[in-house]
Amino acid sequence: MSHPEEIDELRARLDATERQVRTLAEVVRVLAGGLEGGPLEEAGRARPEHAARLAHELLLAAGLIQPKESEGP
């Protein structure tokens, strides 16, 4: 039988994993939206670049990646 502290640890790990999966799903949604184009969209718009930047910021904020020291602000 599991000890209560083991159950608490497993619950915490599951909660963290669920948060990470939700973040990754949001990143995929942002990237997919950045690659989609509509017929009324303005030509030359930096949509993919903006989506990539936002996806990167989401990953950083969630702690799923570490910032590179060589990157600028």
C-alpha atoms as a PDB file:
ATOM      1  CA  MET A   1       0.000   0.000   0.000  1.00  0.00           C
ATOM      2  CA  SER A   2       1.220   3.507  -0.825  1.00  0.00           C
ATOM      3  CA  HIS A   3       2.137   5.958   1.870  1.00  0.00           C
ATOM      4  CA  PRO A   4       0.274   9.290   2.005  1.00  0.00           C
ATOM      5  CA  GLU A   5       3.466  11.219   1.213  1.00  0.00           C
ATOM      6  CA  GLU A   6       4.018   9.080  -1.912  1.00  0.00           C
ATOM      7  CA  ILE A   7       0.471   9.803  -3.035  1.00  0.00           C
ATOM      8  CA  ASP A   8       1.001  13.546  -2.456  1.00  0.00           C
ATOM      9  CA  GLU A   9       4.230  13.437  -4.471  1.00  0.00           C
ATOM     10  CA  LEU A  10       2.532  11.589  -7.325  1.00  0.00           C
ATOM     11  CA  ARG A  11      -0.348  14.077  -7.284  1.00  0.00           C
ATOM     12  CA  ALA A  12       2.084  16.999  -7.437  1.00  0.00           C
ATOM     13  CA  ARG A  13       3.943  15.401 -10.348  1.00  0.00           C
ATOM     14  CA  LEU A  14       0.668  14.745 -12.180  1.00  0.00           C
ATOM     15  CA  ASP A  15      -0.458  18.352 -11.633  1.00  0.00           C
ATOM     16  CA  ALA A  16       2.874  19.643 -12.989  1.00  0.00           C
ATOM     17  CA  THR A  17       2.626  17.346 -16.016  1.00  0.00           C
ATOM     18  CA  GLU A  18      -0.925  18.490 -16.725  1.00  0.00           C
ATOM     19  CA  ARG A  19       0.187  22.158 -16.607  1.00  0.00           C
ATOM     20  CA  GLN A  20       3.031  21.385 -19.001  1.00  0.00           C
ATOM     21  CA  VAL A  21       0.704  19.599 -21.430  1.00  0.00           C
ATOM     22  CA  ARG A  22      -1.747  22.534 -21.346  1.00  0.00           C
ATOM     23  CA  THR A  23       1.130  24.928 -22.053  1.00  0.00           C
ATOM     24  CA  LEU A  24       2.385  22.795 -24.935  1.00  0.00           C
ATOM     25  CA  ALA A  25      -1.139  22.614 -26.373  1.00  0.00           C
ATOM     26  CA  GLU A  26      -1.347  26.418 -26.231  1.00  0.00           C
ATOM     27  CA  VAL A  27       2.050  26.703 -27.930  1.00  0.00           C
ATOM     28  CA  VAL A  28       0.893  24.408 -30.746  1.00  0.00           C
ATOM     29  CA  ARG A  29      -2.311  26.453 -31.106  1.00  0.00           C
ATOM     30  CA  VAL A  30      -0.315  29.699 -31.335  1.00  0.00           C
ATOM     31  CA  LEU A  31       2.093  28.249 -33.890  1.00  0.00           C
ATOM     32  CA  ALA A  32      -0.712  26.786 -36.005  1.00  0.00           C
ATOM     33  CA  GLY A  33      -2.542  30.108 -35.921  1.00  0.00           C
ATOM     34  CA  GLY A  34       0.635  31.848 -37.038  1.00  0.00           C
ATOM     35  CA  LEU A  35       0.920  29.590 -40.055  1.00  0.00           C
ATOM     36  CA  GLU A  36      -2.708  29.957 -41.121  1.00  0.00           C
ATOM     37  CA  GLY A  37      -3.549  32.696 -43.521  1.00  0.00           C
ATOM     38  CA  GLY A  38      -6.903  34.119 -44.380  1.00  0.00           C
ATOM     39  CA  PRO A  39      -8.055  35.592 -47.696  1.00  0.00           C
ATOM     40  CA  LEU A  40      -8.507  39.039 -46.123  1.00  0.00           C
ATOM     41  CA  GLU A  41      -5.141  39.092 -44.408  1.00  0.00           C
ATOM     42  CA  GLU A  42      -2.791  41.946 -45.189  1.00  0.00           C
ATOM     43  CA  ALA A  43       0.136  40.946 -47.416  1.00  0.00           C
ATOM     44  CA  GLY A  44       3.601  40.949 -45.866  1.00  0.00           C
ATOM     45  CA  ARG A  45       2.349  40.706 -42.308  1.00  0.00           C
ATOM     46  CA  ALA A  46       4.829  39.131 -39.859  1.00  0.00           C
ATOM     47  CA  ARG A  47       2.327  36.569 -38.562  1.00  0.00           C
ATOM     48  CA  PRO A  48       4.665  33.519 -38.390  1.00  0.00           C
ATOM     49  CA  GLU A  49       7.392  35.538 -36.672  1.00  0.00           C
ATOM     50  CA  HIS A  50       4.954  36.896 -34.115  1.00  0.00           C
ATOM     51  CA  ALA A  51       3.557  33.402 -33.441  1.00  0.00           C
ATOM     52  CA  ALA A  52       7.052  31.981 -32.989  1.00  0.00           C
ATOM     53  CA  ARG A  53       7.982  34.766 -30.571  1.00  0.00           C
ATOM     54  CA  LEU A  54       4.768  34.268 -28.574  1.00  0.00           C
ATOM     55  CA  ALA A  55       5.280  30.482 -28.482  1.00  0.00           C
ATOM     56  CA  HIS A  56       8.830  31.014 -27.228  1.00  0.00           C
ATOM     57  CA  GLU A  57       7.602  33.389 -24.525  1.00  0.00           C
ATOM     58  CA  LEU A  58       4.971  30.870 -23.406  1.00  0.00           C
ATOM     59  CA  LEU A  59       7.595  28.134 -23.108  1.00  0.00           C
ATOM     60  CA  LEU A  60       9.894  30.452 -21.142  1.00  0.00           C
ATOM     61  CA  ALA A  61       7.101  31.590 -18.810  1.00  0.00           C
ATOM     62  CA  ALA A  62       6.142  27.992 -18.088  1.00  0.00           C
ATOM     63  CA  GLY A  63       9.754  27.086 -17.356  1.00  0.00           C
ATOM     64  CA  LEU A  64       9.778  24.458 -20.088  1.00  0.00           C
ATOM     65  CA  ILE A  65      12.866  25.987 -21.687  1.00  0.00           C
ATOM     66  CA  GLN A  66      15.714  28.117 -20.384  1.00  0.00           C
ATOM     67  CA  PRO A  67      16.662  31.453 -21.915  1.00  0.00           C
ATOM     68  CA  LYS A  68      19.876  31.507 -23.917  1.00  0.00           C
ATOM     69  CA  GLU A  69      22.384  33.989 -22.588  1.00  0.00           C
ATOM     70  CA  SER A  70      23.279  35.117 -26.118  1.00  0.00           C
ATOM     71  CA  GLU A  71      19.699  36.194 -26.884  1.00  0.00           C
ATOM     72  CA  GLY A  72      18.816  39.833 -26.733  1.00  0.00           C
ATOM     73  CA  PRO A  73      15.713  41.335 -25.083  1.00  0.00           C
END
